[in-house]
């Protein structure tokens, strides 16, 4: 469920390990995260949970994608 998926990101944010770029969108963004799960909209929660998972997943995550791209470039086959 969404609450379970949000847990790892939320834990890292509480530990001070999440940084955001300062901007006019900060207040509504943080209010949406802090209001979860009672908030009317949870799109930002879903985005943060999904992005955090992509950085941690060693088989299908974003870092693995880029690792494969680098390996392909080293092998002379180019990026696919």
N, C-alpha and C. Protein backbone atom coordinates (compact mmCIF):
# COMPACT_ATOMS: atom_id res chain seq x y z
N UNK A 1 0.83 -1.18 0.00
CA UNK A 1 0.00 0.00 0.00
C UNK A 1 0.88 1.26 0.00
N UNK A 2 0.27 2.39 -0.22
CA UNK A 2 1.01 3.65 -0.34
C UNK A 2 1.77 4.01 0.93
N UNK A 3 1.16 3.75 2.06
CA UNK A 3 1.80 4.09 3.32
C UNK A 3 3.09 3.28 3.51
N UNK A 4 3.05 2.02 3.16
CA UNK A 4 4.22 1.15 3.27
C UNK A 4 5.30 1.59 2.29
N UNK A 5 4.92 1.92 1.06
CA UNK A 5 5.90 2.36 0.05
C UNK A 5 6.54 3.68 0.43
N UNK A 6 5.80 4.55 1.14
CA UNK A 6 6.32 5.85 1.53
C UNK A 6 7.29 5.75 2.71
N UNK A 7 7.21 4.68 3.46
CA UNK A 7 8.01 4.51 4.68
C UNK A 7 9.50 4.73 4.51
N UNK A 8 10.16 4.06 3.57
CA UNK A 8 11.62 4.24 3.44
C UNK A 8 12.02 5.69 3.12
N UNK A 9 11.29 6.34 2.22
CA UNK A 9 11.59 7.74 1.90
C UNK A 9 11.36 8.61 3.12
N UNK A 10 10.24 8.41 3.79
CA UNK A 10 9.90 9.20 4.95
C UNK A 10 10.96 9.05 6.05
N UNK A 11 11.43 7.84 6.26
CA UNK A 11 12.47 7.60 7.27
C UNK A 11 13.75 8.36 6.95
N UNK A 12 14.14 8.34 5.69
CA UNK A 12 15.35 9.05 5.29
C UNK A 12 15.17 10.56 5.41
N UNK A 13 13.98 11.05 5.10
CA UNK A 13 13.71 12.48 5.24
C UNK A 13 13.78 12.88 6.72
N UNK A 14 13.18 12.08 7.58
CA UNK A 14 13.23 12.39 9.02
C UNK A 14 14.65 12.36 9.56
N UNK A 15 15.50 11.53 8.97
CA UNK A 15 16.90 11.43 9.40
C UNK A 15 17.75 12.56 8.85
N UNK A 16 17.17 13.40 8.00
CA UNK A 16 17.91 14.53 7.43
C UNK A 16 18.70 14.18 6.19
N UNK A 17 18.38 13.06 5.57
CA UNK A 17 19.13 12.59 4.40
C UNK A 17 18.48 12.95 3.07
N UNK A 18 17.45 13.77 3.10
CA UNK A 18 16.78 14.19 1.87
C UNK A 18 16.90 15.71 1.77
N UNK A 19 17.39 16.16 0.64
CA UNK A 19 17.53 17.60 0.40
C UNK A 19 16.65 17.97 -0.78
N UNK A 20 16.08 19.18 -0.74
CA UNK A 20 15.29 19.67 -1.87
C UNK A 20 15.83 21.03 -2.30
N UNK A 21 15.64 21.33 -3.54
CA UNK A 21 16.04 22.62 -4.08
C UNK A 21 15.07 23.68 -3.59
N UNK A 22 15.60 24.76 -3.11
CA UNK A 22 14.75 25.85 -2.60
C UNK A 22 13.96 26.47 -3.76
N UNK A 23 12.68 26.66 -3.54
CA UNK A 23 11.85 27.27 -4.57
C UNK A 23 10.47 27.59 -4.06
N UNK A 24 9.68 28.29 -4.86
CA UNK A 24 8.34 28.68 -4.43
C UNK A 24 7.40 27.49 -4.26
N UNK A 25 7.77 26.36 -4.77
CA UNK A 25 6.95 25.15 -4.69
C UNK A 25 7.18 24.39 -3.39
N UNK A 26 8.18 24.77 -2.59
CA UNK A 26 8.54 24.01 -1.39
C UNK A 26 7.40 23.87 -0.39
N UNK A 27 6.75 24.98 -0.09
CA UNK A 27 5.71 24.94 0.94
C UNK A 27 4.55 24.00 0.57
N UNK A 28 3.96 24.12 -0.62
CA UNK A 28 2.88 23.18 -0.95
C UNK A 28 3.36 21.73 -1.07
N UNK A 29 4.58 21.55 -1.57
CA UNK A 29 5.14 20.20 -1.69
C UNK A 29 5.27 19.56 -0.31
N UNK A 30 5.91 20.27 0.61
CA UNK A 30 6.12 19.72 1.96
C UNK A 30 4.80 19.54 2.69
N UNK A 31 3.86 20.46 2.49
CA UNK A 31 2.54 20.32 3.12
C UNK A 31 1.85 19.05 2.64
N UNK A 32 2.01 18.74 1.35
CA UNK A 32 1.41 17.51 0.82
C UNK A 32 2.03 16.26 1.42
N UNK A 33 3.35 16.28 1.60
CA UNK A 33 4.02 15.13 2.21
C UNK A 33 3.64 14.99 3.68
N UNK A 34 3.64 16.13 4.38
CA UNK A 34 3.32 16.10 5.81
C UNK A 34 1.87 15.75 6.07
N UNK A 35 0.98 16.05 5.13
CA UNK A 35 -0.44 15.75 5.30
C UNK A 35 -0.82 14.33 4.97
N UNK A 36 0.10 13.57 4.39
CA UNK A 36 -0.17 12.19 4.01
C UNK A 36 -0.33 11.34 5.27
N UNK A 37 -1.27 10.45 5.33
CA UNK A 37 -2.19 9.97 4.30
C UNK A 37 -3.55 10.66 4.31
N UNK A 38 -3.75 11.66 5.17
CA UNK A 38 -5.04 12.32 5.24
C UNK A 38 -5.25 13.37 4.15
N UNK A 39 -4.18 13.83 3.50
CA UNK A 39 -4.28 14.89 2.49
C UNK A 39 -5.14 14.44 1.32
N UNK A 40 -5.76 15.40 0.66
CA UNK A 40 -6.65 15.11 -0.46
C UNK A 40 -5.88 14.55 -1.66
N UNK A 41 -4.63 14.98 -1.83
CA UNK A 41 -3.83 14.52 -2.98
C UNK A 41 -2.54 13.89 -2.48
N UNK A 42 -2.14 12.82 -3.16
CA UNK A 42 -0.91 12.14 -2.74
C UNK A 42 0.05 11.91 -3.91
N UNK A 43 -0.07 12.73 -4.94
CA UNK A 43 0.81 12.57 -6.11
C UNK A 43 2.27 12.77 -5.75
N UNK A 44 2.58 13.76 -4.91
CA UNK A 44 3.96 14.00 -4.51
C UNK A 44 4.51 12.84 -3.69
N UNK A 45 3.66 12.26 -2.86
CA UNK A 45 4.06 11.09 -2.07
C UNK A 45 4.40 9.93 -3.01
N UNK A 46 3.56 9.69 -4.00
CA UNK A 46 3.82 8.62 -4.96
C UNK A 46 5.11 8.87 -5.73
N UNK A 47 5.33 10.12 -6.13
CA UNK A 47 6.55 10.45 -6.89
C UNK A 47 7.80 10.24 -6.04
N UNK A 48 7.76 10.69 -4.81
CA UNK A 48 8.92 10.53 -3.93
C UNK A 48 9.19 9.06 -3.63
N UNK A 49 8.14 8.31 -3.35
CA UNK A 49 8.30 6.89 -3.07
C UNK A 49 8.88 6.16 -4.27
N UNK A 50 8.35 6.45 -5.45
CA UNK A 50 8.82 5.79 -6.66
C UNK A 50 10.25 6.15 -7.00
N UNK A 51 10.60 7.42 -6.89
CA UNK A 51 11.97 7.86 -7.19
C UNK A 51 12.95 7.24 -6.19
N UNK A 52 12.58 7.24 -4.93
CA UNK A 52 13.45 6.65 -3.90
C UNK A 52 13.68 5.17 -4.18
N UNK A 53 12.63 4.47 -4.56
CA UNK A 53 12.75 3.04 -4.88
C UNK A 53 13.66 2.83 -6.09
N UNK A 54 13.55 3.70 -7.08
CA UNK A 54 14.40 3.57 -8.27
C UNK A 54 15.88 3.71 -7.93
N UNK A 55 16.20 4.58 -6.98
CA UNK A 55 17.59 4.74 -6.59
C UNK A 55 18.10 3.59 -5.75
N UNK A 56 17.20 2.86 -5.11
CA UNK A 56 17.63 1.77 -4.24
C UNK A 56 17.57 0.40 -4.90
N UNK A 57 16.74 0.24 -5.88
CA UNK A 57 16.56 -1.06 -6.52
C UNK A 57 17.78 -1.41 -7.36
N UNK A 58 18.47 -2.47 -7.01
CA UNK A 58 19.70 -2.83 -7.72
C UNK A 58 19.45 -3.63 -9.00
N UNK A 59 18.23 -4.05 -9.24
CA UNK A 59 17.97 -4.81 -10.46
C UNK A 59 17.26 -4.00 -11.53
N UNK A 60 16.39 -3.09 -11.14
CA UNK A 60 15.62 -2.32 -12.10
C UNK A 60 15.70 -0.83 -11.87
N UNK A 61 16.53 -0.41 -10.96
CA UNK A 61 16.56 0.99 -10.58
C UNK A 61 17.32 1.87 -11.56
N UNK A 62 17.24 3.15 -11.30
CA UNK A 62 17.88 4.15 -12.15
C UNK A 62 19.39 3.97 -12.19
N UNK A 63 19.99 3.69 -11.05
CA UNK A 63 21.45 3.49 -11.03
C UNK A 63 21.85 2.28 -11.86
N UNK A 64 21.05 1.23 -11.81
CA UNK A 64 21.33 0.04 -12.62
C UNK A 64 21.19 0.36 -14.11
N UNK A 65 20.21 1.16 -14.46
CA UNK A 65 20.04 1.57 -15.85
C UNK A 65 21.30 2.27 -16.35
N UNK A 66 21.78 3.24 -15.57
CA UNK A 66 22.98 3.97 -16.00
C UNK A 66 24.22 3.08 -15.99
N UNK A 67 24.29 2.14 -15.06
CA UNK A 67 25.42 1.21 -15.05
C UNK A 67 25.45 0.41 -16.35
N UNK A 68 24.27 -0.04 -16.79
CA UNK A 68 24.20 -0.79 -18.05
C UNK A 68 24.60 0.08 -19.24
N UNK A 69 24.20 1.36 -19.20
CA UNK A 69 24.57 2.27 -20.28
C UNK A 69 26.08 2.43 -20.36
N UNK A 70 26.74 2.58 -19.21
CA UNK A 70 28.19 2.73 -19.18
C UNK A 70 28.85 1.45 -19.68
N UNK A 71 28.37 0.31 -19.24
CA UNK A 71 28.93 -0.96 -19.69
C UNK A 71 28.80 -1.12 -21.21
N UNK A 72 27.65 -0.72 -21.74
CA UNK A 72 27.45 -0.80 -23.18
C UNK A 72 28.42 0.11 -23.92
N UNK A 73 28.66 1.27 -23.38
CA UNK A 73 29.59 2.21 -24.02
C UNK A 73 31.03 1.67 -23.96
N UNK A 74 31.40 1.05 -22.86
CA UNK A 74 32.75 0.47 -22.73
C UNK A 74 32.95 -0.66 -23.72
N UNK A 75 31.87 -1.41 -23.95
CA UNK A 75 31.96 -2.54 -24.85
C UNK A 75 31.91 -2.15 -26.32
N UNK A 76 31.73 -0.88 -26.59
CA UNK A 76 31.71 -0.41 -27.96
C UNK A 76 30.39 -0.62 -28.68
N UNK A 77 29.36 -1.06 -27.95
CA UNK A 77 28.08 -1.30 -28.61
C UNK A 77 27.20 -0.07 -28.59
N UNK A 78 27.56 0.94 -27.82
CA UNK A 78 26.73 2.16 -27.73
C UNK A 78 25.61 1.97 -26.75
N UNK A 79 24.89 3.03 -26.50
CA UNK A 79 23.75 2.99 -25.57
C UNK A 79 22.51 2.50 -26.30
N UNK A 80 21.82 1.59 -25.67
CA UNK A 80 20.60 1.07 -26.26
C UNK A 80 19.39 1.47 -25.47
